[in-house]
């Protein structure tokens, strides 16, 4: 499978959890990062979507926007007890995002994530789009 088709994959990390995330464009990278994070947090099978949150973010750079996006979703997860499994990107640039996150409260626990980190976070441009390794504090 080529990286253009691969959304994300779990990678080895000494003490925390990490994902290598891919996207053909910036919006797809953001969606795949969120799907990857929730694939670590929960198992949801084909649970019906019962909630939606509109998210609007502005950040100083693309790395901060990615961390802010995942952090906002993690906050909603912790406060509402939901996991988000479908995303609609309404608009995205390297420093701002408008999106709708759709979720469910019907899920089984996976790995508890405390925080999204900036540890070795560097978004790379590839021939297939974008790639990034994200480390989560567990």
C-alpha atoms as a PDB file:
ATOM      1  CA  UNK A   1       0.000   0.000   0.000  1.00  0.00           C
ATOM      2  CA  UNK A   2       1.452   3.407  -0.912  1.00  0.00           C
ATOM      3  CA  UNK A   3       1.406   6.380   1.410  1.00  0.00           C
ATOM      4  CA  UNK A   4      -1.106   8.104  -0.908  1.00  0.00           C
ATOM      5  CA  UNK A   5      -3.667   5.442   0.073  1.00  0.00           C
ATOM      6  CA  UNK A   6      -2.608   5.012   3.689  1.00  0.00           C
ATOM      7  CA  UNK A   7      -4.394   7.321   6.134  1.00  0.00           C
ATOM      8  CA  UNK A   8      -2.319   6.638   9.249  1.00  0.00           C
ATOM      9  CA  UNK A   9      -0.274   3.955  10.968  1.00  0.00           C
ATOM     10  CA  UNK A  10       0.821   3.432  14.528  1.00  0.00           C
ATOM     11  CA  UNK A  11       4.573   3.776  14.985  1.00  0.00           C
ATOM     12  CA  UNK A  12       6.843   2.679  17.820  1.00  0.00           C
ATOM     13  CA  UNK A  13       7.522   5.190  20.571  1.00  0.00           C
ATOM     14  CA  UNK A  14       9.446   4.593  23.789  1.00  0.00           C
ATOM     15  CA  UNK A  15       6.931   5.810  26.391  1.00  0.00           C
ATOM     16  CA  UNK A  16       3.986   7.331  24.546  1.00  0.00           C
ATOM     17  CA  UNK A  17       1.763   6.547  21.557  1.00  0.00           C
ATOM     18  CA  UNK A  18       2.646   7.829  18.083  1.00  0.00           C
ATOM     19  CA  UNK A  19       1.055   7.865  14.648  1.00  0.00           C
ATOM     20  CA  UNK A  20       2.442   8.552  11.199  1.00  0.00           C
ATOM     21  CA  UNK A  21      -0.343  10.379   9.361  1.00  0.00           C
ATOM     22  CA  UNK A  22      -0.709  11.046   5.636  1.00  0.00           C
ATOM     23  CA  UNK A  23      -2.921  13.293   3.538  1.00  0.00           C
ATOM     24  CA  UNK A  24      -3.102  14.157  -0.144  1.00  0.00           C
ATOM     25  CA  UNK A  25      -3.933  17.720   0.921  1.00  0.00           C
ATOM     26  CA  UNK A  26      -3.973  19.745   4.132  1.00  0.00           C
ATOM     27  CA  UNK A  27      -7.636  19.066   4.918  1.00  0.00           C
ATOM     28  CA  UNK A  28      -7.178  15.325   4.448  1.00  0.00           C
ATOM     29  CA  UNK A  29      -4.143  15.352   6.754  1.00  0.00           C
ATOM     30  CA  UNK A  30      -6.235  17.028   9.480  1.00  0.00           C
ATOM     31  CA  UNK A  31      -9.064  14.501   9.061  1.00  0.00           C
ATOM     32  CA  UNK A  32      -6.716  11.519   9.030  1.00  0.00           C
ATOM     33  CA  UNK A  33      -4.909  12.785  12.145  1.00  0.00           C
ATOM     34  CA  UNK A  34      -8.231  13.013  13.987  1.00  0.00           C
ATOM     35  CA  UNK A  35      -9.327   9.554  12.794  1.00  0.00           C
ATOM     36  CA  UNK A  36      -5.970   8.146  13.852  1.00  0.00           C
ATOM     37  CA  UNK A  37      -6.174   9.694  17.314  1.00  0.00           C
ATOM     38  CA  UNK A  38      -9.665   8.331  17.878  1.00  0.00           C
ATOM     39  CA  UNK A  39      -8.631   4.899  16.588  1.00  0.00           C
ATOM     40  CA  UNK A  40      -6.202   4.827  19.526  1.00  0.00           C
ATOM     41  CA  UNK A  41      -8.748   6.154  22.042  1.00  0.00           C
ATOM     42  CA  UNK A  42     -11.751   3.993  21.170  1.00  0.00           C
ATOM     43  CA  UNK A  43     -13.429   1.216  19.236  1.00  0.00           C
ATOM     44  CA  UNK A  44     -16.755   2.289  17.741  1.00  0.00           C
ATOM     45  CA  UNK A  45     -17.612  -0.221  15.005  1.00  0.00           C
ATOM     46  CA  UNK A  46     -20.646   1.132  13.105  1.00  0.00           C
ATOM     47  CA  UNK A  47     -22.084   3.229  15.929  1.00  0.00           C
ATOM     48  CA  UNK A  48     -24.713   5.767  14.851  1.00  0.00           C
ATOM     49  CA  UNK A  49     -23.592   9.404  14.791  1.00  0.00           C
ATOM     50  CA  UNK A  50     -25.504  11.297  17.463  1.00  0.00           C
ATOM     51  CA  UNK A  51     -23.667  14.589  17.899  1.00  0.00           C
ATOM     52  CA  UNK A  52     -21.866  17.305  15.991  1.00  0.00           C
ATOM     53  CA  UNK A  53     -19.597  20.176  16.982  1.00  0.00           C
ATOM     54  CA  UNK A  54     -18.581  23.149  14.871  1.00  0.00           C
ATOM     55  CA  UNK A  55     -14.903  23.919  15.404  1.00  0.00           C
ATOM     56  CA  UNK A  56     -13.232  27.187  14.434  1.00  0.00           C
ATOM     57  CA  UNK A  57      -9.507  27.620  15.068  1.00  0.00           C
ATOM     58  CA  UNK A  58      -6.771  30.099  14.225  1.00  0.00           C
ATOM     59  CA  UNK A  59      -3.137  29.359  15.047  1.00  0.00           C
ATOM     60  CA  UNK A  60       0.309  30.807  14.372  1.00  0.00           C
ATOM     61  CA  UNK A  61       1.519  27.977  12.082  1.00  0.00           C
ATOM     62  CA  UNK A  62       0.535  24.597  10.658  1.00  0.00           C
ATOM     63  CA  UNK A  63       2.079  22.519  13.459  1.00  0.00           C
ATOM     64  CA  UNK A  64       0.252  24.535  16.112  1.00  0.00           C
ATOM     65  CA  UNK A  65      -3.003  24.302  14.150  1.00  0.00           C
ATOM     66  CA  UNK A  66      -2.680  20.510  13.979  1.00  0.00           C
ATOM     67  CA  UNK A  67      -2.041  20.247  17.733  1.00  0.00           C
ATOM     68  CA  UNK A  68      -4.855  22.727  18.498  1.00  0.00           C
ATOM     69  CA  UNK A  69      -7.277  20.745  16.271  1.00  0.00           C
ATOM     70  CA  UNK A  70      -6.504  17.435  17.945  1.00  0.00           C
ATOM     71  CA  UNK A  71      -6.471  19.085  21.381  1.00  0.00           C
ATOM     72  CA  UNK A  72      -9.914  20.590  20.798  1.00  0.00           C
ATOM     73  CA  UNK A  73     -11.286  17.204  19.751  1.00  0.00           C
ATOM     74  CA  UNK A  74      -9.666  15.573  22.785  1.00  0.00           C
ATOM     75  CA  UNK A  75     -11.273  18.233  25.011  1.00  0.00           C
ATOM     76  CA  UNK A  76     -14.744  17.506  23.568  1.00  0.00           C
ATOM     77  CA  UNK A  77     -14.101  13.781  23.998  1.00  0.00           C
ATOM     78  CA  UNK A  78     -13.247  14.229  27.669  1.00  0.00           C
ATOM     79  CA  UNK A  79     -16.069  16.675  28.423  1.00  0.00           C
ATOM     80  CA  UNK A  80     -18.855  14.995  26.438  1.00  0.00           C
ATOM     81  CA  UNK A  81     -17.813  11.321  26.603  1.00  0.00           C
ATOM     82  CA  UNK A  82     -17.993  11.041  22.820  1.00  0.00           C
ATOM     83  CA  UNK A  83     -15.640   9.956  20.061  1.00  0.00           C
ATOM     84  CA  UNK A  84     -15.575  11.724  16.701  1.00  0.00           C
ATOM     85  CA  UNK A  85     -15.457   9.548  13.634  1.00  0.00           C
ATOM     86  CA  UNK A  86     -16.574  11.729  10.740  1.00  0.00           C
ATOM     87  CA  UNK A  87     -15.302  15.179   9.809  1.00  0.00           C
ATOM     88  CA  UNK A  88     -16.356  17.844   7.354  1.00  0.00           C
ATOM     89  CA  UNK A  89     -13.700  20.440   6.575  1.00  0.00           C
ATOM     90  CA  UNK A  90     -15.526  23.655   5.686  1.00  0.00           C
ATOM     91  CA  UNK A  91     -12.322  25.616   5.154  1.00  0.00           C
ATOM     92  CA  UNK A  92      -8.691  25.075   6.002  1.00  0.00           C
ATOM     93  CA  UNK A  93      -5.430  26.930   5.554  1.00  0.00           C
ATOM     94  CA  UNK A  94      -2.066  26.416   7.226  1.00  0.00           C
ATOM     95  CA  UNK A  95      -3.189  28.670  10.111  1.00  0.00           C
ATOM     96  CA  UNK A  96      -6.983  28.404  10.302  1.00  0.00           C
ATOM     97  CA  UNK A  97      -9.686  25.775  10.256  1.00  0.00           C
ATOM     98  CA  UNK A  98     -13.460  25.607  10.077  1.00  0.00           C
ATOM     99  CA  UNK A  99     -14.803  22.083  10.517  1.00  0.00           C
ATOM    100  CA  UNK A 100     -17.670  19.975  11.769  1.00  0.00           C
ATOM    101  CA  UNK A 101     -16.876  16.921  13.887  1.00  0.00           C
ATOM    102  CA  UNK A 102     -19.560  14.239  14.067  1.00  0.00           C
ATOM    103  CA  UNK A 103     -19.470  11.703  16.844  1.00  0.00           C
ATOM    104  CA  UNK A 104     -21.072   9.011  18.893  1.00  0.00           C
ATOM    105  CA  UNK A 105     -21.414   8.152  22.548  1.00  0.00           C
ATOM    106  CA  UNK A 106     -21.454   4.419  21.733  1.00  0.00           C
ATOM    107  CA  UNK A 107     -17.853   3.248  21.947  1.00  0.00           C
ATOM    108  CA  UNK A 108     -15.505   0.972  23.868  1.00  0.00           C
ATOM    109  CA  UNK A 109     -12.310   2.321  25.464  1.00  0.00           C
ATOM    110  CA  UNK A 110      -8.887   1.901  23.914  1.00  0.00           C
ATOM    111  CA  UNK A 111      -5.779   3.853  24.947  1.00  0.00           C
ATOM    112  CA  UNK A 112      -6.390   6.883  27.165  1.00  0.00           C
ATOM    113  CA  UNK A 113      -4.646   9.936  25.693  1.00  0.00           C
ATOM    114  CA  UNK A 114      -3.739  12.758  28.081  1.00  0.00           C
ATOM    115  CA  UNK A 115      -2.456  15.256  25.520  1.00  0.00           C
ATOM    116  CA  UNK A 116      -1.244  15.900  21.993  1.00  0.00           C
ATOM    117  CA  UNK A 117       2.430  16.907  22.029  1.00  0.00           C
ATOM    118  CA  UNK A 118       4.813  18.943  19.906  1.00  0.00           C
ATOM    119  CA  UNK A 119       7.463  16.229  20.432  1.00  0.00           C
ATOM    120  CA  UNK A 120       9.381  15.944  17.115  1.00  0.00           C
ATOM    121  CA  UNK A 121       6.348  17.356  15.297  1.00  0.00           C
ATOM    122  CA  UNK A 122       7.273  18.424  11.786  1.00  0.00           C
ATOM    123  CA  UNK A 123       4.853  18.399   8.882  1.00  0.00           C
ATOM    124  CA  UNK A 124       6.572  17.270   5.689  1.00  0.00           C
ATOM    125  CA  UNK A 125       5.523  17.874   2.115  1.00  0.00           C
ATOM    126  CA  UNK A 126       5.850  14.691   0.041  1.00  0.00           C
ATOM    127  CA  UNK A 127       5.193  13.710  -3.573  1.00  0.00           C
ATOM    128  CA  UNK A 128       1.854  12.297  -2.377  1.00  0.00           C
ATOM    129  CA  UNK A 129       0.867  15.344  -0.255  1.00  0.00           C
ATOM    130  CA  UNK A 130       1.679  15.692   3.444  1.00  0.00           C
ATOM    131  CA  UNK A 131       3.015  13.441   6.199  1.00  0.00           C
ATOM    132  CA  UNK A 132       3.565  13.966   9.929  1.00  0.00           C
ATOM    133  CA  UNK A 133       4.410  11.934  12.998  1.00  0.00           C
ATOM    134  CA  UNK A 134       2.286  12.874  16.007  1.00  0.00           C
ATOM    135  CA  UNK A 135       3.201  11.818  19.546  1.00  0.00           C
ATOM    136  CA  UNK A 136       0.478  11.524  22.193  1.00  0.00           C
ATOM    137  CA  UNK A 137       1.067  11.621  25.943  1.00  0.00           C
ATOM    138  CA  UNK A 138      -0.630   8.557  27.427  1.00  0.00           C
END
